[in-house]
Each structure stands twice: as structure tokens, then as C-alpha cells.
Amino acid sequence: MNWAARATMMLTFSVVAKPDTPAESVTICMMDQGMNLVAMSSARAKISKIFVDIGITIRWTGPSHDRCPAGSIMITFLDVEPRERPEALAYALPFEGRHIFVLINRIKNLNLGPKCVPTVLSYVVAHEIGHILMGRTCHSSKGIMKAHWTQDEYSEMFSRGLAFLPEDVVDLFAGLEHWRAQVSVTTLWSGSARRR
């Protein structure tokens, strides 16, 4: 797509990106084992706002019998050794389309203070949801989809907040349709496998 067509799409999208009621929704199943409930509630609210601002409603659910509903994105909190993914705060499996793993001790060890954990957690999770919905591991030069945040970005999180770049929003919506199709096929396949 040439730059003029992409710019037109971004301008058109910016006019319709903030409907009163977002037309798109995504279900997130959070396996919040061992997490502080107040911190989780605060993080969920921030994540929901980040996505509502671009026209996507996040629907939160918890696991039922240790299983997340079909068609949902599952977030699991892990404690890992420092040698595993040494710079990552979380990682997603965008080509699989369903799993996000948050390395919660890394977020807590950023030394930003315990009251900062929900805010940082919300941007980390939003970033990984972005990877899942876009279906890719690429990063942006700034904003939520930046690969590694600096002290300036952490400061911005607590002042005016980070956002998805306009081109990230275009990519999110472009990927959303593909993600839905992928999740539907996976759901049908796993459902038929269980019936055998």
C-alpha cells in the first residue's frame, strides 16, 4: 500500500476511531493467580480505557475449572529465571493467537514503587494484546508498541499516558479480522478433537 493510501486510511480511521460504543470486542481471560486484587482491578481498568480509546471493548473473564473460554486471549503470570528472555517484561505468542505470559517479578523489580505496578502492568499487557491482535512481533518507534521503554516513557505512563500510534491502530484493526478467523478455526478444531 502506498503512503497516500495509508495516510487516507489513517485520517479516515481517526474520524471513526472513537465511537460512543466500540463496535469491536475482545475477551481476555486473566489467570491472576497470586496477584493483588486491587492492583489487578486498577490494571484492568487502564487496559480497558487504552482499548476503548481506539474503538475496542475488552471483556474480562476468569478461568472456569482452570480453563479459559474458547476465543479468548489468555494471560498467565510467570516467575522466571533472569536468563530467560532477559529484557522482556512479558511475551506473547502472536502466531498462535491466544497466549500472553507476564513476567510479573520483572515489573515489580523495575524499582518504580509498588503503587506503579498496576500502571506499568496495564501498558505491558496492552502491548502484548497488540502483538496478538496484529499477529506479529514488530515494534514501533514510540508509544505502547515500542520494544523497550526508556525512563521518559515510564514517566509518560504516569503523566499523560502512552498511546498506540495511528499506524499501530490501523494494523490492530487489520489484524483483528485475521485473529478472529484464526481463533474460530482453532476453537472448531479443538472442539471436534474433544468430541472424539
N, C-alpha and C. Protein backbone atom coordinates (compact mmCIF):
# COMPACT_ATOMS: atom_id res chain seq x y z
N MET A 1 0.85 -1.16 0.00
CA MET A 1 0.00 0.00 0.00
C MET A 1 0.90 1.23 0.00
N ASN A 2 0.59 2.20 -0.89
CA ASN A 2 1.45 3.39 -0.94
C ASN A 2 1.14 4.32 0.23
N TRP A 3 2.02 5.28 0.42
CA TRP A 3 1.89 6.15 1.60
C TRP A 3 0.64 7.00 1.55
N ALA A 4 0.19 7.42 0.36
CA ALA A 4 -1.02 8.24 0.25
C ALA A 4 -2.25 7.45 0.68
N ALA A 5 -2.33 6.19 0.23
CA ALA A 5 -3.46 5.36 0.62
C ALA A 5 -3.45 5.10 2.11
N ARG A 6 -2.26 4.84 2.67
CA ARG A 6 -2.14 4.59 4.11
C ARG A 6 -2.52 5.84 4.91
N ALA A 7 -2.08 7.02 4.44
CA ALA A 7 -2.41 8.28 5.13
C ALA A 7 -3.92 8.51 5.09
N THR A 8 -4.56 8.22 3.94
CA THR A 8 -6.01 8.37 3.83
C THR A 8 -6.71 7.44 4.79
N MET A 9 -6.23 6.18 4.88
CA MET A 9 -6.82 5.24 5.83
C MET A 9 -6.69 5.74 7.26
N MET A 10 -5.49 6.28 7.59
CA MET A 10 -5.28 6.75 8.97
C MET A 10 -6.18 7.95 9.26
N LEU A 11 -6.32 8.87 8.31
CA LEU A 11 -7.18 10.03 8.53
C LEU A 11 -8.63 9.59 8.65
N THR A 12 -9.05 8.70 7.77
CA THR A 12 -10.41 8.18 7.84
C THR A 12 -10.63 7.48 9.17
N PHE A 13 -9.66 6.65 9.58
CA PHE A 13 -9.78 5.93 10.84
C PHE A 13 -9.85 6.87 12.02
N SER A 14 -9.08 7.96 11.99
CA SER A 14 -9.06 8.87 13.14
C SER A 14 -10.41 9.53 13.34
N VAL A 15 -11.21 9.65 12.27
CA VAL A 15 -12.54 10.23 12.40
C VAL A 15 -13.49 9.25 13.06
N VAL A 16 -13.33 7.94 12.78
CA VAL A 16 -14.26 6.95 13.29
C VAL A 16 -13.70 6.11 14.43
N ALA A 17 -12.48 6.39 14.87
CA ALA A 17 -11.81 5.52 15.84
C ALA A 17 -12.40 5.57 17.23
N LYS A 18 -13.12 6.63 17.57
CA LYS A 18 -13.62 6.73 18.93
C LYS A 18 -15.15 6.80 18.96
N PRO A 19 -15.81 5.73 18.54
CA PRO A 19 -17.27 5.73 18.59
C PRO A 19 -17.75 5.75 20.04
N ASP A 20 -19.01 6.14 20.22
CA ASP A 20 -19.57 6.15 21.58
C ASP A 20 -19.55 4.75 22.18
N THR A 21 -19.90 3.77 21.39
CA THR A 21 -19.85 2.38 21.83
C THR A 21 -18.97 1.63 20.84
N PRO A 22 -17.80 1.20 21.28
CA PRO A 22 -16.91 0.49 20.35
C PRO A 22 -17.60 -0.72 19.72
N ALA A 23 -17.42 -0.86 18.40
CA ALA A 23 -18.06 -1.93 17.66
C ALA A 23 -17.33 -3.26 17.83
N GLU A 24 -16.06 -3.21 18.15
CA GLU A 24 -15.25 -4.41 18.27
C GLU A 24 -15.07 -4.78 19.73
N SER A 25 -14.98 -6.07 20.00
CA SER A 25 -14.69 -6.50 21.37
C SER A 25 -13.78 -7.72 21.34
N VAL A 26 -13.00 -7.83 22.39
CA VAL A 26 -12.06 -8.93 22.56
C VAL A 26 -12.21 -9.43 23.99
N THR A 27 -12.27 -10.74 24.18
CA THR A 27 -12.38 -11.32 25.52
C THR A 27 -10.99 -11.69 26.01
N ILE A 28 -10.69 -11.24 27.22
CA ILE A 28 -9.41 -11.53 27.86
C ILE A 28 -9.68 -12.36 29.10
N CYS A 29 -9.01 -13.48 29.21
CA CYS A 29 -9.11 -14.36 30.38
C CYS A 29 -7.80 -14.23 31.15
N MET A 30 -7.88 -13.68 32.35
CA MET A 30 -6.68 -13.44 33.14
C MET A 30 -6.55 -14.48 34.23
N MET A 31 -5.48 -15.24 34.14
CA MET A 31 -5.15 -16.23 35.15
C MET A 31 -4.36 -15.50 36.23
N ASP A 32 -5.06 -14.74 37.08
CA ASP A 32 -4.39 -13.82 38.00
C ASP A 32 -4.02 -14.47 39.33
N GLN A 33 -3.47 -15.63 39.25
CA GLN A 33 -3.04 -16.35 40.44
C GLN A 33 -2.00 -15.55 41.23
N GLY A 34 -2.28 -15.37 42.49
CA GLY A 34 -1.32 -14.71 43.37
C GLY A 34 -1.19 -13.22 43.19
N MET A 35 -2.03 -12.60 42.37
CA MET A 35 -1.93 -11.16 42.15
C MET A 35 -2.81 -10.42 43.14
N ASN A 36 -2.37 -9.24 43.52
CA ASN A 36 -3.13 -8.36 44.38
C ASN A 36 -4.41 -7.94 43.64
N LEU A 37 -5.56 -8.16 44.25
CA LEU A 37 -6.84 -7.87 43.58
C LEU A 37 -7.03 -6.40 43.26
N VAL A 38 -6.57 -5.51 44.13
CA VAL A 38 -6.70 -4.07 43.89
C VAL A 38 -5.82 -3.68 42.70
N ALA A 39 -4.58 -4.19 42.67
CA ALA A 39 -3.68 -3.91 41.55
C ALA A 39 -4.26 -4.45 40.25
N MET A 40 -4.83 -5.66 40.27
CA MET A 40 -5.41 -6.25 39.06
C MET A 40 -6.60 -5.44 38.58
N SER A 41 -7.44 -5.01 39.49
CA SER A 41 -8.61 -4.22 39.13
C SER A 41 -8.20 -2.90 38.47
N SER A 42 -7.20 -2.25 39.06
CA SER A 42 -6.69 -1.00 38.51
C SER A 42 -6.08 -1.21 37.12
N ALA A 43 -5.29 -2.27 36.95
CA ALA A 43 -4.67 -2.57 35.66
C ALA A 43 -5.74 -2.87 34.61
N ARG A 44 -6.74 -3.65 34.97
CA ARG A 44 -7.82 -3.97 34.03
C ARG A 44 -8.53 -2.71 33.55
N ALA A 45 -8.81 -1.80 34.49
CA ALA A 45 -9.49 -0.55 34.12
C ALA A 45 -8.65 0.26 33.14
N LYS A 46 -7.34 0.35 33.39
CA LYS A 46 -6.45 1.10 32.49
C LYS A 46 -6.36 0.44 31.12
N ILE A 47 -6.25 -0.88 31.08
CA ILE A 47 -6.19 -1.61 29.81
C ILE A 47 -7.48 -1.37 29.03
N SER A 48 -8.59 -1.48 29.71
CA SER A 48 -9.89 -1.27 29.05
C SER A 48 -9.96 0.12 28.43
N LYS A 49 -9.49 1.13 29.15
CA LYS A 49 -9.52 2.51 28.63
C LYS A 49 -8.61 2.66 27.42
N ILE A 50 -7.42 2.08 27.48
CA ILE A 50 -6.49 2.16 26.34
C ILE A 50 -7.17 1.65 25.08
N PHE A 51 -7.89 0.54 25.19
CA PHE A 51 -8.52 -0.05 24.01
C PHE A 51 -9.83 0.64 23.63
N VAL A 52 -10.62 1.07 24.60
CA VAL A 52 -11.84 1.81 24.28
C VAL A 52 -11.48 3.08 23.50
N ASP A 53 -10.38 3.70 23.86
CA ASP A 53 -9.95 4.93 23.17
C ASP A 53 -9.67 4.71 21.68
N ILE A 54 -9.41 3.46 21.26
CA ILE A 54 -9.20 3.19 19.84
C ILE A 54 -10.36 2.43 19.22
N GLY A 55 -11.41 2.19 19.99
CA GLY A 55 -12.60 1.56 19.44
C GLY A 55 -12.75 0.07 19.68
N ILE A 56 -12.08 -0.45 20.69
CA ILE A 56 -12.18 -1.88 21.01
C ILE A 56 -12.57 -2.04 22.48
N THR A 57 -13.62 -2.81 22.74
CA THR A 57 -14.03 -3.10 24.11
C THR A 57 -13.33 -4.37 24.56
N ILE A 58 -12.76 -4.33 25.75
CA ILE A 58 -12.17 -5.52 26.36
C ILE A 58 -13.21 -6.11 27.31
N ARG A 59 -13.49 -7.37 27.13
CA ARG A 59 -14.40 -8.09 28.02
C ARG A 59 -13.54 -9.02 28.87
N TRP A 60 -13.63 -8.84 30.18
CA TRP A 60 -12.78 -9.60 31.10
C TRP A 60 -13.52 -10.82 31.61
N THR A 61 -12.80 -11.90 31.73
CA THR A 61 -13.35 -13.12 32.30
C THR A 61 -12.23 -13.83 33.05
N GLY A 62 -12.62 -14.71 33.91
CA GLY A 62 -11.64 -15.54 34.60
C GLY A 62 -11.79 -16.97 34.11
N PRO A 63 -10.85 -17.81 34.48
CA PRO A 63 -10.95 -19.20 34.05
C PRO A 63 -12.07 -19.93 34.79
N SER A 64 -12.66 -20.88 34.12
CA SER A 64 -13.65 -21.75 34.72
C SER A 64 -13.05 -23.15 34.73
N HIS A 65 -12.89 -23.71 35.91
CA HIS A 65 -12.26 -25.02 36.05
C HIS A 65 -10.86 -25.01 35.41
N ASP A 66 -10.12 -23.94 35.66
CA ASP A 66 -8.75 -23.76 35.15
C ASP A 66 -8.67 -23.72 33.63
N ARG A 67 -9.76 -23.39 32.96
CA ARG A 67 -9.76 -23.25 31.50
C ARG A 67 -10.37 -21.91 31.14
N CYS A 68 -9.78 -21.27 30.15
CA CYS A 68 -10.33 -20.01 29.64
C CYS A 68 -11.32 -20.33 28.53
N PRO A 69 -12.32 -19.47 28.36
CA PRO A 69 -13.30 -19.72 27.31
C PRO A 69 -12.66 -19.74 25.92
N ALA A 70 -13.23 -20.53 25.04
CA ALA A 70 -12.77 -20.57 23.65
C ALA A 70 -12.90 -19.16 23.06
N GLY A 71 -11.94 -18.79 22.24
CA GLY A 71 -11.99 -17.49 21.58
C GLY A 71 -11.47 -16.34 22.42
N SER A 72 -10.90 -16.64 23.59
CA SER A 72 -10.37 -15.57 24.44
C SER A 72 -8.84 -15.58 24.37
N ILE A 73 -8.26 -14.45 24.74
CA ILE A 73 -6.82 -14.34 24.89
C ILE A 73 -6.52 -14.65 26.35
N MET A 74 -5.61 -15.57 26.60
CA MET A 74 -5.30 -15.99 27.97
C MET A 74 -4.00 -15.34 28.44
N ILE A 75 -4.08 -14.67 29.59
CA ILE A 75 -2.91 -14.04 30.20
C ILE A 75 -2.52 -14.82 31.44
N THR A 76 -1.26 -15.26 31.49
CA THR A 76 -0.73 -16.02 32.62
C THR A 76 0.44 -15.26 33.21
N PHE A 77 0.55 -15.23 34.52
CA PHE A 77 1.66 -14.57 35.21
C PHE A 77 2.70 -15.61 35.57
N LEU A 78 3.95 -15.32 35.22
CA LEU A 78 5.05 -16.26 35.46
C LEU A 78 6.16 -15.61 36.27
N ASP A 79 6.86 -16.43 37.04
CA ASP A 79 8.12 -16.03 37.66
C ASP A 79 9.19 -16.84 36.93
N VAL A 80 10.14 -16.15 36.30
CA VAL A 80 11.16 -16.86 35.53
C VAL A 80 12.55 -16.49 36.01
N GLU A 81 13.50 -17.31 35.67
CA GLU A 81 14.90 -17.02 35.97
C GLU A 81 15.38 -15.87 35.08
N PRO A 82 16.29 -15.04 35.56
CA PRO A 82 16.78 -13.91 34.77
C PRO A 82 17.35 -14.28 33.40
N ARG A 83 17.86 -15.48 33.23
CA ARG A 83 18.45 -15.86 31.94
C ARG A 83 17.40 -16.05 30.84
N GLU A 84 16.14 -16.24 31.23
CA GLU A 84 15.07 -16.43 30.26
C GLU A 84 14.54 -15.07 29.81
N ARG A 85 14.63 -14.79 28.51
CA ARG A 85 14.13 -13.54 27.96
C ARG A 85 14.60 -12.36 28.83
N PRO A 86 15.90 -12.11 28.89
CA PRO A 86 16.46 -11.20 29.88
C PRO A 86 15.93 -9.77 29.88
N GLU A 87 15.46 -9.26 28.75
CA GLU A 87 14.98 -7.87 28.74
C GLU A 87 13.46 -7.77 28.73
N ALA A 88 12.77 -8.89 28.64
CA ALA A 88 11.31 -8.88 28.47
C ALA A 88 10.59 -8.70 29.80
N LEU A 89 9.49 -7.95 29.76
CA LEU A 89 8.57 -7.84 30.90
C LEU A 89 7.40 -8.80 30.68
N ALA A 90 7.21 -9.20 29.44
CA ALA A 90 6.15 -10.14 29.06
C ALA A 90 6.44 -10.60 27.65
N TYR A 91 5.72 -11.63 27.22
CA TYR A 91 5.81 -12.03 25.82
C TYR A 91 4.50 -12.68 25.39
N ALA A 92 4.23 -12.56 24.10
CA ALA A 92 3.01 -13.11 23.53
C ALA A 92 3.39 -14.14 22.47
N LEU A 93 2.42 -14.95 22.11
CA LEU A 93 2.58 -15.91 21.02
C LEU A 93 1.64 -15.47 19.89
N PRO A 94 2.00 -14.40 19.15
CA PRO A 94 1.07 -13.82 18.18
C PRO A 94 0.70 -14.74 17.03
N PHE A 95 1.57 -15.66 16.66
CA PHE A 95 1.25 -16.54 15.54
C PHE A 95 0.29 -17.65 15.98
N GLU A 96 0.29 -17.94 17.27
CA GLU A 96 -0.64 -18.90 17.85
C GLU A 96 -1.95 -18.18 18.19
N GLY A 97 -1.85 -16.90 18.55
CA GLY A 97 -3.03 -16.06 18.71
C GLY A 97 -3.79 -16.13 20.01
N ARG A 98 -3.24 -16.74 21.03
CA ARG A 98 -4.05 -16.92 22.23
C ARG A 98 -3.34 -16.61 23.54
N HIS A 99 -2.03 -16.81 23.64
CA HIS A 99 -1.37 -16.76 24.95
C HIS A 99 -0.43 -15.57 25.11
N ILE A 100 -0.54 -14.98 26.31
CA ILE A 100 0.35 -13.92 26.76
C ILE A 100 0.90 -14.36 28.11
N PHE A 101 2.21 -14.18 28.31
CA PHE A 101 2.85 -14.52 29.57
C PHE A 101 3.48 -13.26 30.14
N VAL A 102 3.08 -12.88 31.34
CA VAL A 102 3.60 -11.68 32.01
C VAL A 102 4.62 -12.13 33.05
N LEU A 103 5.81 -11.56 32.96
CA LEU A 103 6.90 -11.88 33.90
C LEU A 103 6.81 -10.87 35.05
N ILE A 104 5.89 -11.13 35.94
CA ILE A 104 5.48 -10.15 36.95
C ILE A 104 6.62 -9.70 37.86
N ASN A 105 7.54 -10.58 38.20
CA ASN A 105 8.66 -10.14 39.05
C ASN A 105 9.51 -9.09 38.37
N ARG A 106 9.63 -9.17 37.05
CA ARG A 106 10.40 -8.15 36.32
C ARG A 106 9.73 -6.78 36.43
N ILE A 107 8.42 -6.77 36.38
CA ILE A 107 7.69 -5.49 36.51
C ILE A 107 7.87 -4.96 37.93
N LYS A 108 7.73 -5.82 38.91
CA LYS A 108 7.90 -5.40 40.30
C LYS A 108 9.33 -4.94 40.58
N ASN A 109 10.31 -5.53 39.88
CA ASN A 109 11.72 -5.20 40.12
C ASN A 109 12.22 -4.00 39.31
N LEU A 110 11.33 -3.28 38.65
CA LEU A 110 11.74 -2.07 37.93
C LEU A 110 12.09 -0.93 38.89
N ASN A 111 11.79 -1.13 40.17
CA ASN A 111 12.06 -0.13 41.22
C ASN A 111 11.35 1.19 40.97
N LEU A 112 10.12 1.10 40.49
CA LEU A 112 9.30 2.29 40.31
C LEU A 112 8.36 2.49 41.49
N GLY A 113 8.33 1.52 42.38
CA GLY A 113 7.46 1.59 43.56
C GLY A 113 6.23 0.72 43.36
N PRO A 114 5.71 0.14 44.45
CA PRO A 114 4.58 -0.78 44.35
C PRO A 114 3.31 -0.14 43.79
N LYS A 115 3.13 1.16 44.03
CA LYS A 115 1.93 1.83 43.51
C LYS A 115 1.99 2.00 42.00
N CYS A 116 3.17 1.84 41.41
CA CYS A 116 3.35 1.98 39.97
C CYS A 116 3.09 0.69 39.20
N VAL A 117 3.07 -0.43 39.91
CA VAL A 117 2.93 -1.73 39.26
C VAL A 117 1.67 -1.83 38.41
N PRO A 118 0.47 -1.43 38.89
CA PRO A 118 -0.71 -1.56 38.04
C PRO A 118 -0.62 -0.77 36.74
N THR A 119 -0.04 0.42 36.80
CA THR A 119 0.07 1.25 35.60
C THR A 119 1.02 0.61 34.59
N VAL A 120 2.20 0.21 35.05
CA VAL A 120 3.17 -0.43 34.15
C VAL A 120 2.58 -1.74 33.62
N LEU A 121 1.96 -2.52 34.48
CA LEU A 121 1.33 -3.77 34.08
C LEU A 121 0.30 -3.53 32.97
N SER A 122 -0.48 -2.46 33.10
CA SER A 122 -1.51 -2.19 32.09
C SER A 122 -0.89 -1.93 30.72
N TYR A 123 0.20 -1.19 30.66
CA TYR A 123 0.85 -0.93 29.37
C TYR A 123 1.55 -2.16 28.83
N VAL A 124 2.14 -2.95 29.71
CA VAL A 124 2.79 -4.20 29.28
C VAL A 124 1.75 -5.13 28.65
N VAL A 125 0.62 -5.29 29.31
CA VAL A 125 -0.43 -6.18 28.80
C VAL A 125 -1.03 -5.61 27.50
N ALA A 126 -1.26 -4.30 27.45
CA ALA A 126 -1.79 -3.68 26.22
C ALA A 126 -0.83 -3.93 25.06
N HIS A 127 0.47 -3.80 25.31
CA HIS A 127 1.49 -4.05 24.29
C HIS A 127 1.37 -5.49 23.77
N GLU A 128 1.26 -6.45 24.67
CA GLU A 128 1.18 -7.86 24.26
C GLU A 128 -0.15 -8.19 23.57
N ILE A 129 -1.24 -7.59 24.02
CA ILE A 129 -2.51 -7.76 23.31
C ILE A 129 -2.36 -7.22 21.89
N GLY A 130 -1.64 -6.11 21.76
CA GLY A 130 -1.36 -5.55 20.43
C GLY A 130 -0.67 -6.57 19.54
N HIS A 131 0.34 -7.26 20.07
CA HIS A 131 1.02 -8.29 19.28
C HIS A 131 0.05 -9.39 18.85
N ILE A 132 -0.78 -9.85 19.77
CA ILE A 132 -1.73 -10.92 19.46
C ILE A 132 -2.69 -10.48 18.35
N LEU A 133 -3.28 -9.29 18.50
CA LEU A 133 -4.28 -8.83 17.53
C LEU A 133 -3.65 -8.50 16.19
N MET A 134 -2.43 -7.96 16.19
CA MET A 134 -1.74 -7.67 14.93
C MET A 134 -1.22 -8.94 14.27
N GLY A 135 -0.99 -9.97 15.09
CA GLY A 135 -0.47 -11.23 14.57
C GLY A 135 0.99 -11.16 14.16
N ARG A 136 1.74 -10.30 14.85
CA ARG A 136 3.15 -10.14 14.50
C ARG A 136 3.95 -9.67 15.71
N THR A 137 5.26 -9.73 15.57
CA THR A 137 6.15 -9.35 16.68
C THR A 137 6.85 -8.01 16.45
N CYS A 138 6.46 -7.28 15.41
CA CYS A 138 7.11 -5.99 15.10
C CYS A 138 6.81 -4.96 16.18
N HIS A 139 7.68 -3.97 16.25
CA HIS A 139 7.53 -2.89 17.22
C HIS A 139 7.52 -1.53 16.52
N SER A 140 7.10 -0.52 17.27
CA SER A 140 7.06 0.86 16.77
C SER A 140 8.20 1.66 17.37
N SER A 141 8.40 2.85 16.86
CA SER A 141 9.48 3.71 17.34
C SER A 141 9.16 4.38 18.67
N LYS A 142 7.87 4.45 19.00
CA LYS A 142 7.46 5.04 20.28
C LYS A 142 6.06 4.56 20.63
N GLY A 143 5.61 4.95 21.80
CA GLY A 143 4.26 4.59 22.24
C GLY A 143 4.18 3.21 22.84
N ILE A 144 2.96 2.70 22.91
CA ILE A 144 2.70 1.41 23.55
C ILE A 144 3.47 0.28 22.88
N MET A 145 3.61 0.32 21.57
CA MET A 145 4.24 -0.79 20.85
C MET A 145 5.75 -0.64 20.71
N LYS A 146 6.37 0.27 21.44
CA LYS A 146 7.83 0.39 21.42
C LYS A 146 8.43 -0.85 22.10
N ALA A 147 9.54 -1.34 21.56
CA ALA A 147 10.14 -2.59 22.07
C ALA A 147 10.63 -2.45 23.51
N HIS A 148 11.37 -1.39 23.80
CA HIS A 148 11.94 -1.19 25.14
C HIS A 148 11.70 0.25 25.55
N TRP A 149 10.95 0.42 26.63
CA TRP A 149 10.65 1.76 27.10
C TRP A 149 11.83 2.32 27.89
N THR A 150 12.06 3.61 27.74
CA THR A 150 13.09 4.32 28.49
C THR A 150 12.44 4.96 29.72
N GLN A 151 13.25 5.63 30.52
CA GLN A 151 12.72 6.33 31.68
C GLN A 151 11.71 7.39 31.26
N ASP A 152 11.92 8.01 30.08
CA ASP A 152 10.95 9.00 29.58
C ASP A 152 9.57 8.38 29.36
N GLU A 153 9.54 7.18 28.77
CA GLU A 153 8.24 6.52 28.55
C GLU A 153 7.59 6.12 29.87
N TYR A 154 8.40 5.64 30.81
CA TYR A 154 7.82 5.30 32.11
C TYR A 154 7.24 6.55 32.77
N SER A 155 7.93 7.67 32.67
CA SER A 155 7.40 8.92 33.23
C SER A 155 6.10 9.32 32.53
N GLU A 156 6.08 9.15 31.20
CA GLU A 156 4.88 9.50 30.43
C GLU A 156 3.69 8.63 30.82
N MET A 157 3.94 7.37 31.18
CA MET A 157 2.86 6.48 31.62
C MET A 157 2.10 7.09 32.78
N PHE A 158 2.82 7.77 33.66
CA PHE A 158 2.21 8.30 34.88
C PHE A 158 1.71 9.73 34.73
N SER A 159 2.06 10.39 33.63
CA SER A 159 1.55 11.74 33.41
C SER A 159 0.39 11.69 32.42
N ARG A 160 0.66 11.79 31.14
CA ARG A 160 -0.45 11.81 30.18
C ARG A 160 -0.76 10.44 29.59
N GLY A 161 0.12 9.48 29.80
CA GLY A 161 -0.11 8.12 29.32
C GLY A 161 0.47 7.88 27.93
N LEU A 162 0.76 6.62 27.65
CA LEU A 162 1.22 6.22 26.33
C LEU A 162 0.00 5.86 25.48
N ALA A 163 0.20 5.86 24.17
CA ALA A 163 -0.89 5.51 23.26
C ALA A 163 -0.35 4.65 22.12
N PHE A 164 -1.26 4.02 21.42
CA PHE A 164 -0.90 3.35 20.18
C PHE A 164 -0.71 4.43 19.12
N LEU A 165 0.31 4.30 18.28
CA LEU A 165 0.49 5.22 17.17
C LEU A 165 -0.64 4.99 16.17
N PRO A 166 -0.99 6.02 15.36
CA PRO A 166 -2.07 5.83 14.38
C PRO A 166 -1.85 4.62 13.46
N GLU A 167 -0.60 4.39 13.04
CA GLU A 167 -0.34 3.23 12.18
C GLU A 167 -0.50 1.92 12.94
N ASP A 168 -0.25 1.94 14.26
CA ASP A 168 -0.49 0.74 15.07
C ASP A 168 -1.98 0.43 15.13
N VAL A 169 -2.79 1.48 15.24
CA VAL A 169 -4.25 1.29 15.31
C VAL A 169 -4.75 0.69 14.00
N VAL A 170 -4.25 1.21 12.88
CA VAL A 170 -4.63 0.66 11.58
C VAL A 170 -4.25 -0.83 11.53
N ASP A 171 -3.04 -1.14 11.98
CA ASP A 171 -2.57 -2.54 11.97
C ASP A 171 -3.38 -3.42 12.92
N LEU A 172 -3.78 -2.85 14.07
CA LEU A 172 -4.61 -3.61 15.02
C LEU A 172 -5.93 -4.02 14.38
N PHE A 173 -6.58 -3.07 13.74
CA PHE A 173 -7.87 -3.39 13.13
C PHE A 173 -7.72 -4.30 11.92
N ALA A 174 -6.65 -4.14 11.17
CA ALA A 174 -6.39 -5.03 10.04
C ALA A 174 -6.15 -6.45 10.55
N GLY A 175 -5.40 -6.57 11.63
CA GLY A 175 -5.10 -7.89 12.19
C GLY A 175 -6.25 -8.51 12.94
N LEU A 176 -7.15 -7.69 13.45
CA LEU A 176 -8.27 -8.18 14.26
C LEU A 176 -9.14 -9.18 13.49
N GLU A 177 -9.42 -8.88 12.24
CA GLU A 177 -10.25 -9.78 11.44
C GLU A 177 -9.54 -11.12 11.23
N HIS A 178 -8.25 -11.07 10.92
CA HIS A 178 -7.48 -12.30 10.75
C HIS A 178 -7.42 -13.08 12.07
N TRP A 179 -7.22 -12.37 13.19
CA TRP A 179 -7.17 -13.02 14.50
C TRP A 179 -8.48 -13.74 14.80
N ARG A 180 -9.61 -13.07 14.53
CA ARG A 180 -10.92 -13.71 14.78
C ARG A 180 -11.08 -14.99 13.96
N ALA A 181 -10.66 -14.94 12.71
CA ALA A 181 -10.76 -16.13 11.86
C ALA A 181 -9.86 -17.24 12.40
N GLN A 182 -8.66 -16.89 12.82
CA GLN A 182 -7.71 -17.86 13.36
C GLN A 182 -8.27 -18.50 14.63
N VAL A 183 -8.83 -17.68 15.52
CA VAL A 183 -9.39 -18.18 16.78
C VAL A 183 -10.59 -19.07 16.50
N SER A 184 -11.42 -18.71 15.52
CA SER A 184 -12.59 -19.54 15.18
C SER A 184 -12.17 -20.91 14.69
N VAL A 185 -11.17 -20.95 13.82
CA VAL A 185 -10.69 -22.24 13.31
C VAL A 185 -10.11 -23.07 14.45
N THR A 186 -9.31 -22.45 15.31
CA THR A 186 -8.71 -23.16 16.44
C THR A 186 -9.80 -23.70 17.37
N THR A 187 -10.83 -22.89 17.62
CA THR A 187 -11.93 -23.29 18.50
C THR A 187 -12.68 -24.48 17.90
N LEU A 188 -12.97 -24.40 16.60
CA LEU A 188 -13.66 -25.51 15.94
C LEU A 188 -12.83 -26.78 15.99
N TRP A 189 -11.53 -26.65 15.71
CA TRP A 189 -10.64 -27.81 15.70
C TRP A 189 -10.54 -28.44 17.08
N SER A 190 -10.34 -27.61 18.12
CA SER A 190 -10.19 -28.17 19.46
C SER A 190 -11.51 -28.76 19.95
N GLY A 191 -12.63 -28.17 19.55
CA GLY A 191 -13.93 -28.72 19.94
C GLY A 191 -14.20 -30.07 19.31
N SER A 192 -13.83 -30.22 18.04
CA SER A 192 -14.04 -31.51 17.39
C SER A 192 -13.08 -32.56 17.93
N ALA A 193 -11.88 -32.15 18.32
CA ALA A 193 -10.92 -33.10 18.88
C ALA A 193 -11.40 -33.64 20.22
N ARG A 194 -12.07 -32.78 21.02
CA ARG A 194 -12.57 -33.21 22.34
C ARG A 194 -13.74 -34.19 22.19
N ARG A 195 -14.51 -34.07 21.11
CA ARG A 195 -15.68 -34.95 20.93
C ARG A 195 -15.30 -36.34 20.48
N ARG A 196 -14.09 -36.55 20.02
CA ARG A 196 -13.68 -37.87 19.52
C ARG A 196 -13.51 -38.86 20.63
